[in-house]
Amino acid sequence: MKIAVAARKKNNTYMVEPVFGRADLFVLVEENGNDRVVIENPYRDDTEAAGRKVAQWLIQEGVTTVLCGDVGAKTRFYLSEGGIFSGIGYDGTVDEALARFAAS
């Protein structure tokens, strides 16, 4: 399992981003929770279909779960079609979101 958390960096802490497609970056976490990679969102400033493009990118990266504040209906469809679970309603730090997801 590979989890992607939509995030932004604030005061050297990675915070969950409320809007999936416009996230500054994504923290990719392997199933063991120890291996993390931070990748800037290459589609953040696209004027059209940023969410779809991010969804396609994460599918290619092998992501199985996305955690964020919210995902639009069309983007949720693209994620679902690609076999990605979209966990919405997350906030706080990336570590807090991961802990909450693991406990669910």
C-alpha atoms as a PDB file:
ATOM      1  CA  MET A   1       0.000   0.000   0.000  1.00  0.00           C
ATOM      2  CA  LYS A   2       1.217   3.485  -0.829  1.00  0.00           C
ATOM      3  CA  ILE A   3      -0.514   6.480   0.723  1.00  0.00           C
ATOM      4  CA  ALA A   4      -0.393  10.001  -0.723  1.00  0.00           C
ATOM      5  CA  VAL A   5      -1.221  12.837   1.652  1.00  0.00           C
ATOM      6  CA  ALA A   6      -2.052  16.179   0.025  1.00  0.00           C
ATOM      7  CA  ALA A   7       0.023  18.673   1.981  1.00  0.00           C
ATOM      8  CA  ARG A   8       1.663  22.047   2.367  1.00  0.00           C
ATOM      9  CA  LYS A   9       4.678  22.973   4.467  1.00  0.00           C
ATOM     10  CA  LYS A  10       4.118  25.426   7.296  1.00  0.00           C
ATOM     11  CA  ASN A  11       6.874  26.279   9.783  1.00  0.00           C
ATOM     12  CA  ASN A  12       8.836  23.119   8.894  1.00  0.00           C
ATOM     13  CA  THR A  13       5.765  20.949   9.488  1.00  0.00           C
ATOM     14  CA  TYR A  14       3.784  19.197   6.777  1.00  0.00           C
ATOM     15  CA  MET A  15       0.093  20.032   7.118  1.00  0.00           C
ATOM     16  CA  VAL A  16      -2.824  18.326   5.339  1.00  0.00           C
ATOM     17  CA  GLU A  17      -4.040  20.417   2.427  1.00  0.00           C
ATOM     18  CA  PRO A  18      -7.797  21.022   2.331  1.00  0.00           C
ATOM     19  CA  VAL A  19      -8.012  20.954  -1.488  1.00  0.00           C
ATOM     20  CA  PHE A  20      -6.600  17.864  -3.232  1.00  0.00           C
ATOM     21  CA  GLY A  21      -5.829  19.130  -6.748  1.00  0.00           C
ATOM     22  CA  ARG A  22      -4.310  22.410  -5.569  1.00  0.00           C
ATOM     23  CA  ALA A  23      -2.065  20.931  -2.881  1.00  0.00           C
ATOM     24  CA  ASP A  24       1.461  22.344  -2.872  1.00  0.00           C
ATOM     25  CA  LEU A  25       2.921  18.874  -2.534  1.00  0.00           C
ATOM     26  CA  PHE A  26       2.229  15.257  -1.722  1.00  0.00           C
ATOM     27  CA  VAL A  27       3.844  13.168   0.968  1.00  0.00           C
ATOM     28  CA  LEU A  28       4.067   9.598  -0.351  1.00  0.00           C
ATOM     29  CA  VAL A  29       4.255   7.007   2.392  1.00  0.00           C
ATOM     30  CA  GLU A  30       4.972   3.315   1.945  1.00  0.00           C
ATOM     31  CA  GLU A  31       2.948   0.760   3.894  1.00  0.00           C
ATOM     32  CA  ASN A  32       5.578   0.400   6.619  1.00  0.00           C
ATOM     33  CA  GLY A  33       5.180   4.105   7.391  1.00  0.00           C
ATOM     34  CA  ASN A  34       8.921   4.730   7.515  1.00  0.00           C
ATOM     35  CA  ASP A  35       9.682   5.366   3.851  1.00  0.00           C
ATOM     36  CA  ARG A  36       8.491   8.843   2.868  1.00  0.00           C
ATOM     37  CA  VAL A  37       9.019  10.933  -0.224  1.00  0.00           C
ATOM     38  CA  VAL A  38       7.872  14.534  -0.604  1.00  0.00           C
ATOM     39  CA  ILE A  39       7.009  15.523  -4.180  1.00  0.00           C
ATOM     40  CA  GLU A  40       5.847  18.912  -5.399  1.00  0.00           C
ATOM     41  CA  ASN A  41       2.488  18.873  -7.170  1.00  0.00           C
ATOM     42  CA  PRO A  42       3.331  19.463 -10.851  1.00  0.00           C
ATOM     43  CA  TYR A  43      -0.308  20.356 -11.636  1.00  0.00           C
ATOM     44  CA  ARG A  44      -1.024  22.768  -8.785  1.00  0.00           C
ATOM     45  CA  ASP A  45      -1.294  25.834 -11.017  1.00  0.00           C
ATOM     46  CA  ASP A  46      -2.957  24.224 -14.051  1.00  0.00           C
ATOM     47  CA  THR A  47      -5.970  26.258 -15.075  1.00  0.00           C
ATOM     48  CA  GLU A  48      -8.094  23.227 -16.008  1.00  0.00           C
ATOM     49  CA  ALA A  49      -8.557  19.739 -14.604  1.00  0.00           C
ATOM     50  CA  ALA A  50      -5.788  19.882 -11.998  1.00  0.00           C
ATOM     51  CA  GLY A  51      -7.557  17.247  -9.884  1.00  0.00           C
ATOM     52  CA  ARG A  52      -7.847  14.810 -12.792  1.00  0.00           C
ATOM     53  CA  LYS A  53      -4.212  15.295 -13.735  1.00  0.00           C
ATOM     54  CA  VAL A  54      -3.064  14.753 -10.162  1.00  0.00           C
ATOM     55  CA  ALA A  55      -5.247  11.634  -9.915  1.00  0.00           C
ATOM     56  CA  GLN A  56      -3.701  10.194 -13.082  1.00  0.00           C
ATOM     57  CA  TRP A  57      -0.204  11.028 -11.844  1.00  0.00           C
ATOM     58  CA  LEU A  58      -0.782   9.324  -8.480  1.00  0.00           C
ATOM     59  CA  ILE A  59      -2.248   6.255 -10.190  1.00  0.00           C
ATOM     60  CA  GLN A  60       0.975   6.003 -12.208  1.00  0.00           C
ATOM     61  CA  GLU A  61       2.963   6.339  -8.971  1.00  0.00           C
ATOM     62  CA  GLY A  62       1.201   3.259  -7.587  1.00  0.00           C
ATOM     63  CA  VAL A  63      -0.739   5.085  -4.886  1.00  0.00           C
ATOM     64  CA  THR A  64      -3.605   3.105  -3.334  1.00  0.00           C
ATOM     65  CA  THR A  65      -4.923   5.675  -0.832  1.00  0.00           C
ATOM     66  CA  VAL A  66      -5.193   9.470  -0.814  1.00  0.00           C
ATOM     67  CA  LEU A  67      -5.748  11.509   2.345  1.00  0.00           C
ATOM     68  CA  CYS A  68      -6.796  15.159   2.141  1.00  0.00           C
ATOM     69  CA  GLY A  69      -9.371  17.673   3.252  1.00  0.00           C
ATOM     70  CA  ASP A  70     -11.659  17.285   0.254  1.00  0.00           C
ATOM     71  CA  VAL A  71     -11.824  15.925  -3.296  1.00  0.00           C
ATOM     72  CA  GLY A  72     -14.191  17.143  -5.985  1.00  0.00           C
ATOM     73  CA  ALA A  73     -16.766  14.724  -7.393  1.00  0.00           C
ATOM     74  CA  LYS A  74     -15.063  14.326 -10.779  1.00  0.00           C
ATOM     75  CA  THR A  75     -11.662  13.780  -9.205  1.00  0.00           C
ATOM     76  CA  ARG A  76     -13.121  11.258  -6.749  1.00  0.00           C
ATOM     77  CA  PHE A  77     -14.478   9.379  -9.772  1.00  0.00           C
ATOM     78  CA  TYR A  78     -11.037   9.352 -11.466  1.00  0.00           C
ATOM     79  CA  LEU A  79      -9.384   8.143  -8.266  1.00  0.00           C
ATOM     80  CA  SER A  80     -11.985   5.418  -7.792  1.00  0.00           C
ATOM     81  CA  GLU A  81     -11.657   4.267 -11.407  1.00  0.00           C
ATOM     82  CA  GLY A  82      -7.903   4.006 -10.832  1.00  0.00           C
ATOM     83  CA  GLY A  83      -8.392   1.866  -7.726  1.00  0.00           C
ATOM     84  CA  ILE A  84      -7.483   4.598  -5.253  1.00  0.00           C
ATOM     85  CA  PHE A  85      -9.394   5.049  -2.003  1.00  0.00           C
ATOM     86  CA  SER A  86      -9.932   8.742  -1.270  1.00  0.00           C
ATOM     87  CA  GLY A  87     -10.036   9.586   2.409  1.00  0.00           C
ATOM     88  CA  ILE A  88     -11.550  13.014   2.927  1.00  0.00           C
ATOM     89  CA  GLY A  89     -12.100  15.130   6.006  1.00  0.00           C
ATOM     90  CA  TYR A  90      -8.487  14.964   7.150  1.00  0.00           C
ATOM     91  CA  ASP A  91      -6.725  17.950   8.676  1.00  0.00           C
ATOM     92  CA  GLY A  92      -3.881  18.757  11.040  1.00  0.00           C
ATOM     93  CA  THR A  93      -0.394  17.454  10.410  1.00  0.00           C
ATOM     94  CA  VAL A  94       0.441  14.696   7.952  1.00  0.00           C
ATOM     95  CA  ASP A  95       1.513  12.491  10.879  1.00  0.00           C
ATOM     96  CA  GLU A  96      -1.834  13.064  12.616  1.00  0.00           C
ATOM     97  CA  ALA A  97      -3.719  12.189   9.421  1.00  0.00           C
ATOM     98  CA  LEU A  98      -1.690   8.999   8.963  1.00  0.00           C
ATOM     99  CA  ALA A  99      -2.290   7.985  12.584  1.00  0.00           C
ATOM    100  CA  ARG A 100      -6.025   8.637  12.228  1.00  0.00           C
ATOM    101  CA  PHE A 101      -6.161   6.601   9.016  1.00  0.00           C
ATOM    102  CA  ALA A 102      -4.225   3.720  10.609  1.00  0.00           C
ATOM    103  CA  ALA A 103      -6.631   3.687  13.559  1.00  0.00           C
ATOM    104  CA  SER A 104      -9.722   3.505  11.331  1.00  0.00           C
END
